[in-house]
PDB file of N, CA and C in Angstrom:
ATOM      1  N   VAL A   1       0.991  -1.499  -0.054  1.00  0.00           N
ATOM      2  CA  VAL A   1      -0.346   0.126   0.276  1.00  0.00           C
ATOM      3  C   VAL A   1       1.227   1.434  -0.186  1.00  0.00           C
ATOM      4  N   GLN A   2       0.358   2.060  -1.080  1.00  0.00           N
ATOM      5  CA  GLN A   2       1.456   2.983  -0.811  1.00  0.00           C
ATOM      6  C   GLN A   2       0.956   4.583  -0.603  1.00  0.00           C
ATOM      7  N   LEU A   3       1.005   5.247   0.639  1.00  0.00           N
ATOM      8  CA  LEU A   3       0.121   6.586   1.547  1.00  0.00           C
ATOM      9  C   LEU A   3       0.705   7.741   0.738  1.00  0.00           C
ATOM     10  N   GLN A   4      -0.212   8.723   0.725  1.00  0.00           N
ATOM     11  CA  GLN A   4       0.180   9.631   0.013  1.00  0.00           C
ATOM     12  C   GLN A   4      -0.336  10.696   0.531  1.00  0.00           C
ATOM     13  N   ALA A   5       0.036  11.763   1.230  1.00  0.00           N
ATOM     14  CA  ALA A   5      -0.331  12.752   2.541  1.00  0.00           C
ATOM     15  C   ALA A   5      -0.129  14.450   2.091  1.00  0.00           C
ATOM     16  N   CYS A   6      -1.394  15.628   2.547  1.00  0.00           N
ATOM     17  CA  CYS A   6      -1.280  16.059   1.522  1.00  0.00           C
ATOM     18  C   CYS A   6      -1.592  17.377   2.357  1.00  0.00           C
ATOM     19  N   GLY A   7      -1.983  18.994   2.172  1.00  0.00           N
ATOM     20  CA  GLY A   7      -2.951  19.786   2.888  1.00  0.00           C
ATOM     21  C   GLY A   7      -1.734  20.484   3.625  1.00  0.00           C
ATOM     22  N   GLY A   8      -0.979  20.131   4.428  1.00  0.00           N
ATOM     23  CA  GLY A   8      -0.532  20.918   4.759  1.00  0.00           C
ATOM     24  C   GLY A   8       0.076  22.197   4.213  1.00  0.00           C
ATOM     25  N   GLY A   9       0.844  22.806   5.343  1.00  0.00           N
ATOM     26  CA  GLY A   9       0.984  24.727   4.943  1.00  0.00           C
ATOM     27  C   GLY A   9       1.710  25.473   5.775  1.00  0.00           C
ATOM     28  N   LEU A  10       1.325  26.910   5.377  1.00  0.00           N
ATOM     29  CA  LEU A  10       1.741  27.688   6.622  1.00  0.00           C
ATOM     30  C   LEU A  10       0.310  28.248   6.937  1.00  0.00           C
ATOM     31  N   VAL A  11      -0.159  27.738   8.460  1.00  0.00           N
ATOM     32  CA  VAL A  11      -0.804  28.341   9.424  1.00  0.00           C
ATOM     33  C   VAL A  11      -1.325  29.805  10.147  1.00  0.00           C
ATOM     34  N   GLN A  12      -2.098  30.972  10.447  1.00  0.00           N
ATOM     35  CA  GLN A  12      -1.964  31.261  11.461  1.00  0.00           C
ATOM     36  C   GLN A  12      -2.428  30.139  13.052  1.00  0.00           C
ATOM     37  N   ALA A  13      -2.295  30.940  14.176  1.00  0.00           N
ATOM     38  CA  ALA A  13      -2.705  30.033  15.299  1.00  0.00           C
ATOM     39  C   ALA A  13      -4.217  30.675  15.816  1.00  0.00           C
ATOM     40  N   GLY A  14      -5.446  29.650  15.188  1.00  0.00           N
ATOM     41  CA  GLY A  14      -6.434  29.897  16.135  1.00  0.00           C
ATOM     42  C   GLY A  14      -7.053  29.501  14.053  1.00  0.00           C
ATOM     43  N   GLY A  15      -6.826  29.361  13.003  1.00  0.00           N
ATOM     44  CA  GLY A  15      -7.082  28.636  12.001  1.00  0.00           C
ATOM     45  C   GLY A  15      -7.369  27.003  11.292  1.00  0.00           C
ATOM     46  N   SER A  16      -7.346  27.057  10.714  1.00  0.00           N
ATOM     47  CA  SER A  16      -7.581  25.287  10.553  1.00  0.00           C
ATOM     48  C   SER A  16      -7.205  24.500   8.891  1.00  0.00           C
ATOM     49  N   LEU A  17      -6.521  23.491   8.765  1.00  0.00           N
ATOM     50  CA  LEU A  17      -6.269  22.709   8.034  1.00  0.00           C
ATOM     51  C   LEU A  17      -6.682  21.285   7.319  1.00  0.00           C
ATOM     52  N   ARG A  18      -7.203  21.012   6.778  1.00  0.00           N
ATOM     53  CA  ARG A  18      -7.348  19.424   6.952  1.00  0.00           C
ATOM     54  C   ARG A  18      -6.411  18.539   5.873  1.00  0.00           C
ATOM     55  N   LEU A  19      -5.792  17.842   6.099  1.00  0.00           N
ATOM     56  CA  LEU A  19      -5.394  17.116   5.402  1.00  0.00           C
ATOM     57  C   LEU A  19      -5.339  16.082   4.952  1.00  0.00           C
ATOM     58  N   SER A  20      -5.011  15.071   3.992  1.00  0.00           N
ATOM     59  CA  SER A  20      -5.375  14.119   3.178  1.00  0.00           C
ATOM     60  C   SER A  20      -4.850  13.701   3.332  1.00  0.00           C
ATOM     61  N   CYS A  21      -5.619  12.334   3.510  1.00  0.00           N
ATOM     62  CA  CYS A  21      -4.222  10.785   2.663  1.00  0.00           C
ATOM     63  C   CYS A  21      -4.990   9.874   2.289  1.00  0.00           C
ATOM     64  N   ALA A  22      -4.158   9.453   0.588  1.00  0.00           N
ATOM     65  CA  ALA A  22      -5.270   9.032  -0.401  1.00  0.00           C
ATOM     66  C   ALA A  22      -3.787   7.586  -0.173  1.00  0.00           C
ATOM     67  N   ALA A  23      -5.240   6.288  -0.521  1.00  0.00           N
ATOM     68  CA  ALA A  23      -4.279   5.061  -0.214  1.00  0.00           C
ATOM     69  C   ALA A  23      -4.407   4.478  -2.401  1.00  0.00           C
ATOM     70  N   SER A  24      -3.014   3.727  -2.323  1.00  0.00           N
ATOM     71  CA  SER A  24      -3.384   3.560  -3.634  1.00  0.00           C
ATOM     72  C   SER A  24      -3.788   2.297  -3.837  1.00  0.00           C
ATOM     73  N   GLU A  25      -4.375   1.540  -2.946  1.00  0.00           N
ATOM     74  CA  GLU A  25      -5.395   0.296  -3.035  1.00  0.00           C
ATOM     75  C   GLU A  25      -6.571   0.637  -2.968  1.00  0.00           C
ATOM     76  N   ARG A  26      -7.380  -0.278  -3.094  1.00  0.00           N
ATOM     77  CA  ARG A  26      -8.937  -0.143  -2.923  1.00  0.00           C
ATOM     78  C   ARG A  26      -9.032  -1.387  -1.830  1.00  0.00           C
ATOM     79  N   THR A  27      -8.026  -2.198  -1.562  1.00  0.00           N
ATOM     80  CA  THR A  27      -8.398  -3.195   0.174  1.00  0.00           C
ATOM     81  C   THR A  27      -7.971  -1.874   1.208  1.00  0.00           C
ATOM     82  N   PHE A  28      -7.415  -0.924   0.777  1.00  0.00           N
ATOM     83  CA  PHE A  28      -7.551   0.637   1.837  1.00  0.00           C
ATOM     84  C   PHE A  28      -9.167  -0.049   3.086  1.00  0.00           C
ATOM     85  N   SER A  29      -9.873   0.170   2.543  1.00  0.00           N
ATOM     86  CA  SER A  29     -11.431  -0.279   3.230  1.00  0.00           C
ATOM     87  C   SER A  29     -11.537  -0.708   4.886  1.00  0.00           C
ATOM     88  N   SER A  30     -10.197  -2.537   4.441  1.00  0.00           N
ATOM     89  CA  SER A  30     -10.123  -2.908   4.828  1.00  0.00           C
ATOM     90  C   SER A  30      -9.457  -2.782   6.731  1.00  0.00           C
ATOM     91  N   TYR A  31      -7.990  -1.049   6.520  1.00  0.00           N
ATOM     92  CA  TYR A  31      -7.691  -1.523   7.114  1.00  0.00           C
ATOM     93  C   TYR A  31      -7.751  -0.066   8.313  1.00  0.00           C
ATOM     94  N   ALA A  32      -7.588   0.171   9.471  1.00  0.00           N
ATOM     95  CA  ALA A  32      -7.451   0.534  10.133  1.00  0.00           C
ATOM     96  C   ALA A  32      -6.493   1.875   9.733  1.00  0.00           C
ATOM     97  N   MET A  33      -6.665   3.067  10.225  1.00  0.00           N
ATOM     98  CA  MET A  33      -5.544   4.199   9.352  1.00  0.00           C
ATOM     99  C   MET A  33      -5.631   5.053  10.433  1.00  0.00           C
ATOM    100  N   GLY A  34      -4.336   5.731  10.894  1.00  0.00           N
ATOM    101  CA  GLY A  34      -4.040   6.756  11.894  1.00  0.00           C
ATOM    102  C   GLY A  34      -3.182   7.904  11.021  1.00  0.00           C
ATOM    103  N   TRP A  35      -3.824   8.986  11.522  1.00  0.00           N
ATOM    104  CA  TRP A  35      -2.578   9.793  12.233  1.00  0.00           C
ATOM    105  C   TRP A  35      -1.238  10.608  12.706  1.00  0.00           C
ATOM    106  N   PHE A  36      -0.394  10.668  12.502  1.00  0.00           N
ATOM    107  CA  PHE A  36       0.669  10.112  13.355  1.00  0.00           C
ATOM    108  C   PHE A  36       1.594  11.600  13.229  1.00  0.00           C
ATOM    109  N   ARG A  37       2.520  12.488  14.379  1.00  0.00           N
ATOM    110  CA  ARG A  37       3.340  13.224  14.182  1.00  0.00           C
ATOM    111  C   ARG A  37       4.317  13.124  13.993  1.00  0.00           C
ATOM    112  N   GLN A  38       5.056  14.658  13.673  1.00  0.00           N
ATOM    113  CA  GLN A  38       6.799  14.792  13.803  1.00  0.00           C
ATOM    114  C   GLN A  38       7.330  16.066  14.871  1.00  0.00           C
ATOM    115  N   ALA A  39       7.526  16.574  15.505  1.00  0.00           N
ATOM    116  CA  ALA A  39       7.878  17.821  15.959  1.00  0.00           C
ATOM    117  C   ALA A  39       9.263  17.826  16.458  1.00  0.00           C
ATOM    118  N   PRO A  40      10.177  19.058  15.775  1.00  0.00           N
ATOM    119  CA  PRO A  40      11.455  19.186  15.455  1.00  0.00           C
ATOM    120  C   PRO A  40      11.621  18.824  16.998  1.00  0.00           C
ATOM    121  N   GLY A  41      13.000  17.218  16.867  1.00  0.00           N
ATOM    122  CA  GLY A  41      13.712  17.063  18.353  1.00  0.00           C
ATOM    123  C   GLY A  41      12.859  16.426  19.244  1.00  0.00           C
ATOM    124  N   LYS A  42      11.491  15.502  18.627  1.00  0.00           N
ATOM    125  CA  LYS A  42      10.747  14.650  18.948  1.00  0.00           C
ATOM    126  C   LYS A  42      10.535  13.914  18.974  1.00  0.00           C
ATOM    127  N   GLU A  43      10.363  12.343  19.368  1.00  0.00           N
ATOM    128  CA  GLU A  43       9.966  11.441  19.330  1.00  0.00           C
ATOM    129  C   GLU A  43       8.588  11.536  17.739  1.00  0.00           C
ATOM    130  N   ARG A  44       7.675  10.899  17.131  1.00  0.00           N
ATOM    131  CA  ARG A  44       6.451  10.460  16.985  1.00  0.00           C
ATOM    132  C   ARG A  44       5.890  10.460  17.575  1.00  0.00           C
ATOM    133  N   ALA A  45       4.768  10.645  17.223  1.00  0.00           N
ATOM    134  CA  ALA A  45       3.442  10.780  17.484  1.00  0.00           C
ATOM    135  C   ALA A  45       1.749  10.050  17.634  1.00  0.00           C
ATOM    136  N   PHE A  46       1.437   9.656  18.682  1.00  0.00           N
ATOM    137  CA  PHE A  46       0.077   9.786  17.219  1.00  0.00           C
ATOM    138  C   PHE A  46      -0.811  10.771  18.098  1.00  0.00           C
ATOM    139  N   VAL A  47      -1.737  11.276  17.678  1.00  0.00           N
ATOM    140  CA  VAL A  47      -2.596  12.249  17.270  1.00  0.00           C
ATOM    141  C   VAL A  47      -3.946  11.885  16.445  1.00  0.00           C
ATOM    142  N   ALA A  48      -4.502  10.958  15.273  1.00  0.00           N
ATOM    143  CA  ALA A  48      -5.489  10.596  15.719  1.00  0.00           C
ATOM    144  C   ALA A  48      -6.062   9.163  14.958  1.00  0.00           C
ATOM    145  N   GLY A  49      -6.434   7.859  15.186  1.00  0.00           N
ATOM    146  CA  GLY A  49      -7.026   6.899  14.443  1.00  0.00           C
ATOM    147  C   GLY A  49      -7.803   6.770  14.274  1.00  0.00           C
ATOM    148  N   ILE A  50      -8.684   6.161  13.094  1.00  0.00           N
ATOM    149  CA  ILE A  50      -9.749   5.571  12.547  1.00  0.00           C
ATOM    150  C   ILE A  50     -10.406   4.143  12.370  1.00  0.00           C
ATOM    151  N   SER A  51     -11.498   3.470  13.064  1.00  0.00           N
ATOM    152  CA  SER A  51     -11.269   1.609  12.194  1.00  0.00           C
ATOM    153  C   SER A  51     -12.059   2.150  10.385  1.00  0.00           C
ATOM    154  N   TRP A  52     -11.523   0.833  10.555  1.00  0.00           N
ATOM    155  CA  TRP A  52     -11.710   0.569   9.143  1.00  0.00           C
ATOM    156  C   TRP A  52     -13.395   0.990   8.079  1.00  0.00           C
ATOM    157  N   GLY A  53     -14.057   0.950   9.058  1.00  0.00           N
ATOM    158  CA  GLY A  53     -15.276   1.097   8.831  1.00  0.00           C
ATOM    159  C   GLY A  53     -15.853   3.010   8.820  1.00  0.00           C
ATOM    160  N   GLY A  54     -14.571   3.195   9.596  1.00  0.00           N
ATOM    161  CA  GLY A  54     -14.724   4.060  10.338  1.00  0.00           C
ATOM    162  C   GLY A  54     -16.107   4.838  11.258  1.00  0.00           C
ATOM    163  N   ALA A  55     -16.488   3.940  12.144  1.00  0.00           N
ATOM    164  CA  ALA A  55     -17.308   4.296  13.068  1.00  0.00           C
ATOM    165  C   ALA A  55     -16.979   4.421  14.333  1.00  0.00           C
ATOM    166  N   SER A  56     -15.227   3.773  14.693  1.00  0.00           N
ATOM    167  CA  SER A  56     -14.587   4.469  15.592  1.00  0.00           C
ATOM    168  C   SER A  56     -13.455   5.485  15.755  1.00  0.00           C
ATOM    169  N   THR A  57     -13.139   6.423  16.546  1.00  0.00           N
ATOM    170  CA  THR A  57     -12.382   6.986  16.147  1.00  0.00           C
ATOM    171  C   THR A  57     -11.649   7.176  17.476  1.00  0.00           C
ATOM    172  N   TYR A  58     -10.234   8.012  17.259  1.00  0.00           N
ATOM    173  CA  TYR A  58      -9.703   8.313  18.732  1.00  0.00           C
ATOM    174  C   TYR A  58      -8.889   9.518  18.293  1.00  0.00           C
ATOM    175  N   TYR A  59      -8.384   9.756  19.552  1.00  0.00           N
ATOM    176  CA  TYR A  59      -7.526  11.248  19.611  1.00  0.00           C
ATOM    177  C   TYR A  59      -6.312  10.926  21.179  1.00  0.00           C
ATOM    178  N   ALA A  60      -5.854  11.943  20.285  1.00  0.00           N
ATOM    179  CA  ALA A  60      -4.703  11.749  21.532  1.00  0.00           C
ATOM    180  C   ALA A  60      -5.250  13.094  22.005  1.00  0.00           C
ATOM    181  N   ASP A  61      -5.195  13.101  23.874  1.00  0.00           N
ATOM    182  CA  ASP A  61      -5.470  13.946  24.645  1.00  0.00           C
ATOM    183  C   ASP A  61      -5.585  15.495  23.692  1.00  0.00           C
ATOM    184  N   SER A  62      -3.775  16.071  23.438  1.00  0.00           N
ATOM    185  CA  SER A  62      -3.255  17.112  22.935  1.00  0.00           C
ATOM    186  C   SER A  62      -4.355  17.933  22.291  1.00  0.00           C
ATOM    187  N   VAL A  63      -5.519  16.653  21.587  1.00  0.00           N
ATOM    188  CA  VAL A  63      -6.030  17.128  19.965  1.00  0.00           C
ATOM    189  C   VAL A  63      -7.566  17.103  19.522  1.00  0.00           C
ATOM    190  N   LYS A  64      -8.187  16.510  21.280  1.00  0.00           N
ATOM    191  CA  LYS A  64      -8.874  15.726  21.183  1.00  0.00           C
ATOM    192  C   LYS A  64      -9.901  17.779  21.556  1.00  0.00           C
ATOM    193  N   GLY A  65     -11.599  17.619  20.442  1.00  0.00           N
ATOM    194  CA  GLY A  65     -12.761  18.624  20.422  1.00  0.00           C
ATOM    195  C   GLY A  65     -11.617  19.873  18.978  1.00  0.00           C
ATOM    196  N   ARG A  66     -10.540  19.589  18.609  1.00  0.00           N
ATOM    197  CA  ARG A  66     -10.295  19.946  18.012  1.00  0.00           C
ATOM    198  C   ARG A  66     -10.072  19.587  16.452  1.00  0.00           C
ATOM    199  N   PHE A  67      -9.285  18.236  16.957  1.00  0.00           N
ATOM    200  CA  PHE A  67      -9.178  17.909  15.225  1.00  0.00           C
ATOM    201  C   PHE A  67      -9.452  16.858  14.933  1.00  0.00           C
ATOM    202  N   THR A  68     -10.956  16.080  13.956  1.00  0.00           N
ATOM    203  CA  THR A  68     -11.906  15.341  13.665  1.00  0.00           C
ATOM    204  C   THR A  68     -10.536  14.624  12.494  1.00  0.00           C
ATOM    205  N   ILE A  69     -10.901  13.146  12.428  1.00  0.00           N
ATOM    206  CA  ILE A  69     -10.656  11.801  11.721  1.00  0.00           C
ATOM    207  C   ILE A  69     -11.670  11.397  11.516  1.00  0.00           C
ATOM    208  N   PHE A  70     -11.548  11.546   9.182  1.00  0.00           N
ATOM    209  CA  PHE A  70     -12.915  10.867   8.935  1.00  0.00           C
ATOM    210  C   PHE A  70     -12.255  10.231   7.419  1.00  0.00           C
ATOM    211  N   ARG A  71     -12.848   9.243   7.142  1.00  0.00           N
ATOM    212  CA  ARG A  71     -12.779   8.639   5.702  1.00  0.00           C
ATOM    213  C   ARG A  71     -13.489   8.443   4.554  1.00  0.00           C
ATOM    214  N   ASP A  72     -13.078   8.541   3.725  1.00  0.00           N
ATOM    215  CA  ASP A  72     -13.877   7.605   2.503  1.00  0.00           C
ATOM    216  C   ASP A  72     -13.887   7.346   1.274  1.00  0.00           C
ATOM    217  N   ASN A  73     -14.123   6.213   1.893  1.00  0.00           N
ATOM    218  CA  ASN A  73     -13.686   4.323   1.533  1.00  0.00           C
ATOM    219  C   ASN A  73     -13.818   3.874   0.047  1.00  0.00           C
ATOM    220  N   ALA A  74     -14.766   4.993  -1.177  1.00  0.00           N
ATOM    221  CA  ALA A  74     -14.781   4.634  -2.086  1.00  0.00           C
ATOM    222  C   ALA A  74     -13.975   6.284  -2.549  1.00  0.00           C
ATOM    223  N   GLN A  75     -13.284   6.717  -2.066  1.00  0.00           N
ATOM    224  CA  GLN A  75     -12.568   7.194  -2.990  1.00  0.00           C
ATOM    225  C   GLN A  75     -10.946   7.067  -1.811  1.00  0.00           C
ATOM    226  N   ASN A  76     -11.244   5.760  -1.095  1.00  0.00           N
ATOM    227  CA  ASN A  76     -10.121   5.250  -0.515  1.00  0.00           C
ATOM    228  C   ASN A  76      -8.490   6.015  -0.010  1.00  0.00           C
ATOM    229  N   THR A  77      -8.867   7.556   1.539  1.00  0.00           N
ATOM    230  CA  THR A  77      -8.680   8.097   0.991  1.00  0.00           C
ATOM    231  C   THR A  77      -9.320   8.748   2.513  1.00  0.00           C
ATOM    232  N   VAL A  78      -8.386   9.103   3.174  1.00  0.00           N
ATOM    233  CA  VAL A  78      -8.313   9.562   4.837  1.00  0.00           C
ATOM    234  C   VAL A  78      -8.020  10.574   4.963  1.00  0.00           C
ATOM    235  N   TYR A  79      -8.841  11.938   6.324  1.00  0.00           N
ATOM    236  CA  TYR A  79      -9.147  13.374   6.318  1.00  0.00           C
ATOM    237  C   TYR A  79      -8.267  13.091   8.039  1.00  0.00           C
ATOM    238  N   LEU A  80      -7.671  14.791   7.828  1.00  0.00           N
ATOM    239  CA  LEU A  80      -7.332  14.614   9.586  1.00  0.00           C
ATOM    240  C   LEU A  80      -8.078  16.408   9.142  1.00  0.00           C
ATOM    241  N   GLN A  81      -9.231  16.646   9.514  1.00  0.00           N
ATOM    242  CA  GLN A  81      -9.825  17.836   9.440  1.00  0.00           C
ATOM    243  C   GLN A  81      -9.297  18.682  11.189  1.00  0.00           C
ATOM    244  N   MET A  82      -8.369  19.811  10.994  1.00  0.00           N
ATOM    245  CA  MET A  82      -7.462  19.973  12.207  1.00  0.00           C
ATOM    246  C   MET A  82      -8.389  21.511  12.454  1.00  0.00           C
ATOM    247  N   ASN A  83      -8.850  21.681  13.727  1.00  0.00           N
ATOM    248  CA  ASN A  83      -9.544  23.466  13.520  1.00  0.00           C
ATOM    249  C   ASN A  83      -8.407  24.359  14.984  1.00  0.00           C
ATOM    250  N   SER A  84      -8.669  25.046  15.635  1.00  0.00           N
ATOM    251  CA  SER A  84      -8.658  25.960  16.144  1.00  0.00           C
ATOM    252  C   SER A  84      -6.128  25.638  16.874  1.00  0.00           C
ATOM    253  N   LEU A  85      -6.037  25.639  15.261  1.00  0.00           N
ATOM    254  CA  LEU A  85      -4.390  25.277  15.636  1.00  0.00           C
ATOM    255  C   LEU A  85      -3.668  26.359  16.449  1.00  0.00           C
ATOM    256  N   LYS A  86      -2.989  24.702  17.007  1.00  0.00           N
ATOM    257  CA  LYS A  86      -2.226  26.149  17.893  1.00  0.00           C
ATOM    258  C   LYS A  86      -0.547  25.705  17.181  1.00  0.00           C
ATOM    259  N   SER A  87       0.159  26.905  17.510  1.00  0.00           N
ATOM    260  CA  SER A  87       1.879  26.182  17.513  1.00  0.00           C
ATOM    261  C   SER A  87       2.306  25.224  17.641  1.00  0.00           C
ATOM    262  N   GLU A  88       1.744  25.161  18.617  1.00  0.00           N
ATOM    263  CA  GLU A  88       2.272  23.161  19.193  1.00  0.00           C
ATOM    264  C   GLU A  88       1.998  21.963  18.615  1.00  0.00           C
ATOM    265  N   ASP A  89       1.364  22.889  17.847  1.00  0.00           N
ATOM    266  CA  ASP A  89       0.479  21.428  16.402  1.00  0.00           C
ATOM    267  C   ASP A  89       1.787  21.300  15.216  1.00  0.00           C
ATOM    268  N   THR A  90       2.710  22.936  15.311  1.00  0.00           N
ATOM    269  CA  THR A  90       3.620  21.887  14.112  1.00  0.00           C
ATOM    270  C   THR A  90       4.369  20.863  14.046  1.00  0.00           C
ATOM    271  N   ALA A  91       4.118  20.354  13.320  1.00  0.00           N
ATOM    272  CA  ALA A  91       5.977  18.989  13.246  1.00  0.00           C
ATOM    273  C   ALA A  91       4.713  18.871  11.684  1.00  0.00           C
ATOM    274  N   VAL A  92       5.317  17.746  11.411  1.00  0.00           N
ATOM    275  CA  VAL A  92       5.370  16.942  10.580  1.00  0.00           C
ATOM    276  C   VAL A  92       4.345  16.050  10.505  1.00  0.00           C
ATOM    277  N   TYR A  93       3.625  15.632   9.233  1.00  0.00           N
ATOM    278  CA  TYR A  93       2.110  15.076   9.862  1.00  0.00           C
ATOM    279  C   TYR A  93       2.522  13.855   8.795  1.00  0.00           C
ATOM    280  N   TYR A  94       1.610  12.060   9.403  1.00  0.00           N
ATOM    281  CA  TYR A  94       2.327  11.700   8.564  1.00  0.00           C
ATOM    282  C   TYR A  94       0.572  10.616   8.837  1.00  0.00           C
ATOM    283  N   CYS A  95       0.183   9.925   7.762  1.00  0.00           N
ATOM    284  CA  CYS A  95      -0.630   8.575   8.018  1.00  0.00           C
ATOM    285  C   CYS A  95       0.098   7.289   7.632  1.00  0.00           C
ATOM    286  N   ALA A  96      -1.230   6.191   8.272  1.00  0.00           N
ATOM    287  CA  ALA A  96      -0.321   5.296   8.493  1.00  0.00           C
ATOM    288  C   ALA A  96      -1.317   4.333   8.830  1.00  0.00           C
ATOM    289  N   VAL A  97      -1.201   2.919   7.530  1.00  0.00           N
ATOM    290  CA  VAL A  97      -2.313   1.666   8.062  1.00  0.00           C
ATOM    291  C   VAL A  97      -1.991   1.115   9.168  1.00  0.00           C
ATOM    292  N   ARG A  98      -3.191   0.783   9.718  1.00  0.00           N
ATOM    293  CA  ARG A  98      -2.128  -0.024  11.102  1.00  0.00           C
ATOM    294  C   ARG A  98      -2.276  -1.337  10.623  1.00  0.00           C
ATOM    295  N   ARG A  99      -1.280  -2.469  11.231  1.00  0.00           N
ATOM    296  CA  ARG A  99      -1.836  -3.876  10.907  1.00  0.00           C
ATOM    297  C   ARG A  99      -2.683  -4.389  11.194  1.00  0.00           C
ATOM    298  N   PRO A 100      -3.420  -5.194  10.822  1.00  0.00           N
ATOM    299  CA  PRO A 100      -4.280  -5.776  10.825  1.00  0.00           C
ATOM    300  C   PRO A 100      -4.404  -7.099  12.966  1.00  0.00           C
ATOM    301  N   ARG A 101      -5.492  -6.463  12.899  1.00  0.00           N
ATOM    302  CA  ARG A 101      -5.300  -8.046  14.390  1.00  0.00           C
ATOM    303  C   ARG A 101      -4.703  -7.057  15.164  1.00  0.00           C
ATOM    304  N   THR A 102      -4.088  -5.512  15.135  1.00  0.00           N
ATOM    305  CA  THR A 102      -3.190  -5.482  15.980  1.00  0.00           C
ATOM    306  C   THR A 102      -3.934  -4.032  16.740  1.00  0.00           C
ATOM    307  N   THR A 103      -4.137  -3.374  18.148  1.00  0.00           N
ATOM    308  CA  THR A 103      -4.703  -3.056  19.674  1.00  0.00           C
ATOM    309  C   THR A 103      -3.387  -2.348  19.743  1.00  0.00           C
ATOM    310  N   GLY A 104      -4.290  -1.101  19.995  1.00  0.00           N
ATOM    311  CA  GLY A 104      -3.814   0.276  20.134  1.00  0.00           C
ATOM    312  C   GLY A 104      -3.166   0.803  19.208  1.00  0.00           C
ATOM    313  N   TRP A 105      -2.764   2.259  19.433  1.00  0.00           N
ATOM    314  CA  TRP A 105      -1.642   3.086  18.628  1.00  0.00           C
ATOM    315  C   TRP A 105      -0.387   3.221  18.404  1.00  0.00           C
ATOM    316  N   GLY A 106       0.200   2.245  19.163  1.00  0.00           N
ATOM    317  CA  GLY A 106       2.000   2.248  18.755  1.00  0.00           C
ATOM    318  C   GLY A 106       2.290   2.783  17.211  1.00  0.00           C
ATOM    319  N   ILE A 107       3.290   3.098  17.769  1.00  0.00           N
ATOM    320  CA  ILE A 107       3.854   2.724  16.058  1.00  0.00           C
ATOM    321  C   ILE A 107       4.297   1.901  15.666  1.00  0.00           C
ATOM    322  N   ASN A 108       4.942   1.087  16.674  1.00  0.00           N
ATOM    323  CA  ASN A 108       5.451  -0.220  15.473  1.00  0.00           C
ATOM    324  C   ASN A 108       4.345  -0.958  15.417  1.00  0.00           C
ATOM    325  N   GLY A 109       2.821  -0.687  15.980  1.00  0.00           N
ATOM    326  CA  GLY A 109       2.128  -1.469  14.993  1.00  0.00           C
ATOM    327  C   GLY A 109       1.467  -0.378  13.848  1.00  0.00           C
ATOM    328  N   MET A 110       2.229   0.070  13.679  1.00  0.00           N
ATOM    329  CA  MET A 110       1.547   0.343  11.478  1.00  0.00           C
ATOM    330  C   MET A 110       2.266  -0.417  10.712  1.00  0.00           C
ATOM    331  N   ASP A 111       1.862  -0.530   9.497  1.00  0.00           N
ATOM    332  CA  ASP A 111       2.865  -1.123   8.334  1.00  0.00           C
ATOM    333  C   ASP A 111       3.145  -0.506   7.174  1.00  0.00           C
ATOM    334  N   TYR A 112       2.596   0.370   6.690  1.00  0.00           N
ATOM    335  CA  TYR A 112       2.929   1.037   6.333  1.00  0.00           C
ATOM    336  C   TYR A 112       2.672   3.327   6.192  1.00  0.00           C
ATOM    337  N   TRP A 113       3.825   3.847   6.182  1.00  0.00           N
ATOM    338  CA  TRP A 113       4.018   5.153   6.150  1.00  0.00           C
ATOM    339  C   TRP A 113       4.122   5.766   5.433  1.00  0.00           C
ATOM    340  N   GLY A 114       2.827   7.092   5.469  1.00  0.00           N
ATOM    341  CA  GLY A 114       2.880   7.817   3.700  1.00  0.00           C
ATOM    342  C   GLY A 114       4.197   9.204   3.852  1.00  0.00           C
ATOM    343  N   LYS A 115       4.820   8.767   3.106  1.00  0.00           N
ATOM    344  CA  LYS A 115       5.189  10.645   3.538  1.00  0.00           C
ATOM    345  C   LYS A 115       5.002  11.565   3.872  1.00  0.00           C
ATOM    346  N   GLY A 116       5.794  12.522   4.579  1.00  0.00           N
ATOM    347  CA  GLY A 116       5.011  13.503   5.756  1.00  0.00           C
ATOM    348  C   GLY A 116       4.234  14.895   5.213  1.00  0.00           C
ATOM    349  N   THR A 117       3.431  15.556   5.407  1.00  0.00           N
ATOM    350  CA  THR A 117       3.026  16.592   5.235  1.00  0.00           C
ATOM    351  C   THR A 117       3.100  18.275   6.024  1.00  0.00           C
ATOM    352  N   GLN A 118       4.394  18.829   6.085  1.00  0.00           N
ATOM    353  CA  GLN A 118       4.724  19.742   6.925  1.00  0.00           C
ATOM    354  C   GLN A 118       2.971  20.661   7.486  1.00  0.00           C
ATOM    355  N   VAL A 119       2.907  20.957   8.995  1.00  0.00           N
ATOM    356  CA  VAL A 119       2.656  21.784   9.407  1.00  0.00           C
ATOM    357  C   VAL A 119       3.064  22.205  10.229  1.00  0.00           C
ATOM    358  N   THR A 120       3.290  24.228   9.561  1.00  0.00           N
ATOM    359  CA  THR A 120       3.196  25.080  11.062  1.00  0.00           C
ATOM    360  C   THR A 120       2.012  26.012  10.844  1.00  0.00           C
ATOM    361  N   VAL A 121       2.186  26.104  12.499  1.00  0.00           N
ATOM    362  CA  VAL A 121       1.395  27.311  12.767  1.00  0.00           C
ATOM    363  C   VAL A 121       2.429  28.529  13.452  1.00  0.00           C
ATOM    364  N   SER A 122       1.350  29.436  12.879  1.00  0.00           N
ATOM    365  CA  SER A 122       2.713  30.541  13.506  1.00  0.00           C
ATOM    366  C   SER A 122       1.177  31.789  14.497  1.00  0.00           C
ATOM    367  N   SER A 123       2.347  31.568  16.061  1.00  0.00           N
ATOM    368  CA  SER A 123       1.261  32.678  16.707  1.00  0.00           C
ATOM    369  C   SER A 123       1.175  33.902  16.215  1.00  0.00           C
TER     370      SER A 123
END
């Protein structure tokens, strides 16, 4: 599975961005998907996850109430809507496919990663 993330950019604090991640295979709809981010000098961290059908979503505490993950399986795409952005949201954002029969959202449980997209929030 190849993943292509896009939608990053420069935005002022309080603004919004929508990231998208398109998958190369129709089997995309069979996988749970996650968004992660990595800020300079920090480890890659979980941001949001969504079940294969989209019925269940999961968020890091730092983004709850501000970010929304959703997917369109017909388009093989997962999205991350980011509102009320803060300077601490600045990072490279990555989408990833969770390995089947894996629970939780640890980095080691993800099988495929897209190239990251830079999000910069100016204060």
